[in-house]
Amino acid sequence: MERPVLIGIAGGTGSGKTTVATIVRSRFHEESVIIIHHDSYYRDRGEMSLAEREKVNYDHPSAFENTLLAEHLKELMNRQPIEMPVYDYTSHTRLSETKTIKPAEIILMEGILVLEDKILRSLMDIKIYIDADSDERFIRRLLRDMKERKRSVDSVIEQYIRTVRPMHLQFVEPSKRYADIIVPEGGHNAVAIDLLVTKISDILRNSGNG
């Protein structure tokens, strides 16, 4: 039996990465697809005060524990379960509990910087970059952070200006050059998603996992 198919899905904040991953997942048997969120691998900042954690640049590559993520991906590709960290956006640190993730035929890994890291890229079978207009991305992030993370308008705007936009220009946008597929309009691009699903099906069929 061949190893699972690992697909990296990158793109700016609010570009539609999670939407694309969710739609792709819905096209296959539920137990055959898992989604790994890069955000789950933010470094544990438990030793810092909340005020200090709030000042951390979470859009810089150093904010992520990619070594642990790479180890977990290799375990999943060897068909071993992992204990994935659980990150709390309110306290800006990991919770004490973990989430058990069982291996599957398709691993979708999404995050703004998954294509920026050379080691993570080397593990991927397909590399995707979700492209979207910067104004649309900001509006989606603003609405999401206010609704899901209970952030104020001022705090979202301040963070966007201070770190999100500069890091996007420095690290996220340039990682587009590593993509095998660039998907404009994110989850609204039904044609691109259908092509991706067809490609995954072909890979699974040719590997004997289809």
Protein backbone atom coordinates (compact mmCIF):
# COMPACT_ATOMS: atom_id res chain seq x y z
CA MET A 1 0.00 0.00 0.00
CA GLU A 2 1.36 3.43 -0.99
CA ARG A 3 1.76 6.23 1.51
CA PRO A 4 -1.01 8.84 1.91
CA VAL A 5 -1.23 11.87 -0.38
CA LEU A 6 -0.14 15.12 1.31
CA ILE A 7 -1.51 18.37 -0.11
CA GLY A 8 -0.32 21.77 1.11
CA ILE A 9 -2.77 24.67 0.81
CA ALA A 10 -1.29 28.12 1.38
CA GLY A 11 -2.47 31.69 0.83
CA GLY A 12 -2.96 34.95 2.65
CA THR A 13 -5.16 35.42 5.68
CA GLY A 14 -8.83 35.21 4.70
CA SER A 15 -8.05 33.90 1.22
CA GLY A 16 -10.27 30.83 1.54
CA LYS A 17 -7.76 28.09 2.43
CA THR A 18 -10.02 26.42 4.97
CA THR A 19 -13.00 26.69 2.63
CA VAL A 20 -11.12 24.94 -0.17
CA ALA A 21 -9.88 22.22 2.20
CA THR A 22 -13.39 21.68 3.55
CA ILE A 23 -14.93 21.44 0.07
CA VAL A 24 -12.27 18.99 -1.11
CA ARG A 25 -12.80 16.91 2.02
CA SER A 26 -16.52 16.74 1.31
CA ARG A 27 -15.87 15.10 -2.08
CA PHE A 28 -14.30 11.98 -0.55
CA HIS A 29 -15.26 9.48 2.14
CA GLU A 30 -15.02 11.30 5.46
CA GLU A 31 -12.64 8.78 7.00
CA SER A 32 -10.27 9.00 4.02
CA VAL A 33 -9.44 12.71 4.42
CA ILE A 34 -8.00 14.69 7.34
CA ILE A 35 -7.26 18.41 7.60
CA ILE A 36 -4.21 19.66 9.51
CA HIS A 37 -4.24 23.35 10.39
CA HIS A 38 -0.82 25.01 10.58
CA ASP A 39 -2.21 27.30 13.30
CA SER A 40 -2.40 24.30 15.63
CA TYR A 41 1.40 24.33 15.63
CA TYR A 42 1.93 27.83 16.93
CA ARG A 43 4.70 27.63 19.51
CA ASP A 44 3.66 27.24 23.12
CA ARG A 45 4.06 30.63 24.85
CA GLY A 46 3.00 29.49 28.30
CA GLU A 47 6.13 30.93 29.92
CA MET A 48 5.19 34.45 28.78
CA SER A 49 2.62 36.81 30.27
CA LEU A 50 -0.56 37.47 28.30
CA ALA A 51 0.64 41.01 27.58
CA GLU A 52 3.88 39.62 26.15
CA ARG A 53 2.05 36.99 24.09
CA GLU A 54 -0.21 39.65 22.57
CA LYS A 55 2.88 41.40 21.15
CA VAL A 56 4.27 38.29 19.40
CA ASN A 57 4.40 38.39 15.60
CA TYR A 58 2.21 35.38 14.76
CA ASP A 59 2.59 35.90 11.02
CA HIS A 60 6.36 35.30 11.00
CA PRO A 61 7.65 31.78 10.15
CA SER A 62 9.39 31.57 13.53
CA ALA A 63 5.98 31.62 15.27
CA PHE A 64 5.38 28.01 14.21
CA GLU A 65 6.88 24.78 15.54
CA ASN A 66 7.45 23.28 12.10
CA THR A 67 9.84 20.62 13.39
CA LEU A 68 7.02 19.04 15.41
CA LEU A 69 4.62 19.42 12.49
CA ALA A 70 7.05 17.68 10.12
CA GLU A 71 7.46 14.82 12.60
CA HIS A 72 3.69 14.45 12.88
CA LEU A 73 3.25 14.49 9.10
CA LYS A 74 5.84 11.73 8.72
CA GLU A 75 4.03 9.66 11.35
CA LEU A 76 0.71 10.11 9.56
CA MET A 77 2.34 9.16 6.26
CA ASN A 78 3.62 6.03 7.97
CA ARG A 79 -0.01 5.42 8.98
CA GLN A 80 0.53 6.17 12.66
CA PRO A 81 -1.85 8.37 14.70
CA ILE A 82 -0.63 11.63 16.22
CA GLU A 83 -1.48 13.83 19.18
CA MET A 84 -1.99 17.22 17.58
CA PRO A 85 -1.63 20.35 19.76
CA VAL A 86 -4.72 22.42 20.49
CA TYR A 87 -4.16 26.17 20.26
CA ASP A 88 -6.23 28.76 22.11
CA TYR A 89 -6.46 32.07 20.24
CA THR A 90 -7.87 33.86 23.27
CA SER A 91 -4.87 33.18 25.52
CA HIS A 92 -2.37 32.92 22.63
CA THR A 93 -1.00 29.61 23.85
CA ARG A 94 -1.55 25.87 23.67
CA LEU A 95 -4.02 24.06 25.86
CA SER A 96 -2.86 21.15 27.99
CA GLU A 97 -4.94 18.62 26.06
CA THR A 98 -4.17 17.33 22.58
CA LYS A 99 -6.36 15.99 19.77
CA THR A 100 -5.85 12.48 18.44
CA ILE A 101 -5.65 12.45 14.64
CA LYS A 102 -5.83 9.11 12.86
CA PRO A 103 -4.04 8.54 9.53
CA ALA A 104 -5.98 8.81 6.27
CA GLU A 105 -5.41 8.42 2.54
CA ILE A 106 -5.48 12.19 1.97
CA ILE A 107 -3.85 14.76 4.26
CA LEU A 108 -4.81 18.37 3.62
CA MET A 109 -2.49 20.81 5.41
CA GLU A 110 -3.56 24.44 5.30
CA GLY A 111 -1.96 27.62 6.57
CA ILE A 112 -0.57 30.95 5.44
CA LEU A 113 3.04 29.75 5.52
CA VAL A 114 2.97 26.03 4.70
CA LEU A 115 4.71 26.64 1.38
CA GLU A 116 7.35 28.89 2.94
CA ASP A 117 9.06 26.06 4.82
CA LYS A 118 11.42 23.91 2.72
CA ILE A 119 11.03 20.79 4.87
CA LEU A 120 7.24 20.93 4.76
CA ARG A 121 7.31 21.47 1.00
CA SER A 122 9.53 18.43 0.53
CA LEU A 123 6.83 16.23 2.07
CA MET A 124 4.01 17.46 -0.17
CA ASP A 125 2.65 15.71 -3.25
CA ILE A 126 0.67 18.74 -4.38
CA LYS A 127 1.32 22.39 -3.46
CA ILE A 128 -1.55 24.85 -3.80
CA TYR A 129 -1.69 28.62 -3.34
CA ILE A 130 -5.08 30.31 -2.85
CA ASP A 131 -5.05 33.81 -4.34
CA ALA A 132 -7.56 36.49 -3.35
CA ASP A 133 -7.88 40.26 -3.44
CA SER A 134 -6.27 41.93 -0.42
CA ASP A 135 -9.38 43.97 0.42
CA GLU A 136 -11.56 40.87 0.45
CA ARG A 137 -9.04 39.02 2.60
CA PHE A 138 -8.92 41.82 5.16
CA ILE A 139 -12.71 42.04 5.40
CA ARG A 140 -12.99 38.27 5.90
CA ARG A 141 -10.30 38.35 8.60
CA LEU A 142 -11.99 41.28 10.35
CA LEU A 143 -15.38 39.57 10.43
CA ARG A 144 -13.87 36.22 11.47
CA ASP A 145 -11.74 37.62 14.30
CA MET A 146 -14.63 39.67 15.68
CA LYS A 147 -17.09 36.77 15.56
CA GLU A 148 -14.97 33.72 16.35
CA ARG A 149 -12.12 35.19 18.40
CA LYS A 150 -14.00 38.02 20.13
CA ARG A 151 -11.50 40.65 18.93
CA SER A 152 -12.26 44.36 18.72
CA VAL A 153 -12.19 46.21 15.41
CA ASP A 154 -9.26 48.35 16.57
CA SER A 155 -7.17 45.34 17.64
CA VAL A 156 -7.72 43.53 14.33
CA ILE A 157 -6.78 46.62 12.32
CA GLU A 158 -3.73 47.32 14.46
CA GLN A 159 -2.43 43.76 14.09
CA TYR A 160 -3.11 43.78 10.36
CA ILE A 161 -1.09 46.95 9.85
CA ARG A 162 1.69 46.00 12.29
CA THR A 163 2.37 42.38 11.28
CA VAL A 164 -0.17 40.70 8.99
CA ARG A 165 0.28 42.82 5.88
CA PRO A 166 4.11 43.22 6.15
CA MET A 167 4.57 39.48 6.72
CA HIS A 168 2.23 38.67 3.84
CA LEU A 169 4.38 40.76 1.51
CA GLN A 170 7.64 39.36 2.88
CA PHE A 171 6.83 35.67 3.31
CA VAL A 172 3.35 34.57 2.21
CA GLU A 173 3.05 36.15 -1.24
CA PRO A 174 6.58 35.07 -2.33
CA SER A 175 5.78 31.43 -1.43
CA LYS A 176 3.36 31.43 -4.37
CA ARG A 177 6.31 30.55 -6.63
CA TYR A 178 6.50 27.08 -5.06
CA ALA A 179 2.88 26.23 -5.90
CA ASP A 180 1.94 23.59 -8.45
CA ILE A 181 -1.52 25.12 -8.68
CA ILE A 182 -2.66 28.71 -8.05
CA VAL A 183 -6.37 29.02 -7.32
CA PRO A 184 -7.89 32.51 -7.70
CA GLU A 185 -11.04 33.35 -5.73
CA GLY A 186 -10.56 30.54 -3.21
CA GLY A 187 -13.63 28.53 -2.36
CA HIS A 188 -15.65 30.32 -5.04
CA ASN A 189 -13.56 28.77 -7.82
CA ALA A 190 -15.60 25.64 -8.52
CA VAL A 191 -13.65 24.76 -11.68
CA ALA A 192 -10.27 24.74 -9.90
CA ILE A 193 -11.67 22.70 -7.01
CA ASP A 194 -13.16 20.14 -9.43
CA LEU A 195 -9.78 19.83 -11.18
CA LEU A 196 -8.06 19.36 -7.83
CA VAL A 197 -10.52 16.66 -6.77
CA THR A 198 -9.97 14.87 -10.11
CA LYS A 199 -6.20 15.04 -9.66
CA ILE A 200 -6.40 13.60 -6.14
CA SER A 201 -8.67 10.81 -7.36
CA ASP A 202 -6.16 9.95 -10.09
CA ILE A 203 -3.29 9.83 -7.58
CA LEU A 204 -5.26 7.56 -5.25
CA ARG A 205 -6.31 5.31 -8.11
CA ASN A 206 -2.77 4.99 -9.46
CA SER A 207 -1.37 4.26 -6.01
CA GLY A 208 -3.92 1.53 -5.38
CA ASN A 209 -5.71 3.53 -2.68
CA GLY A 210 -8.61 4.70 -4.81
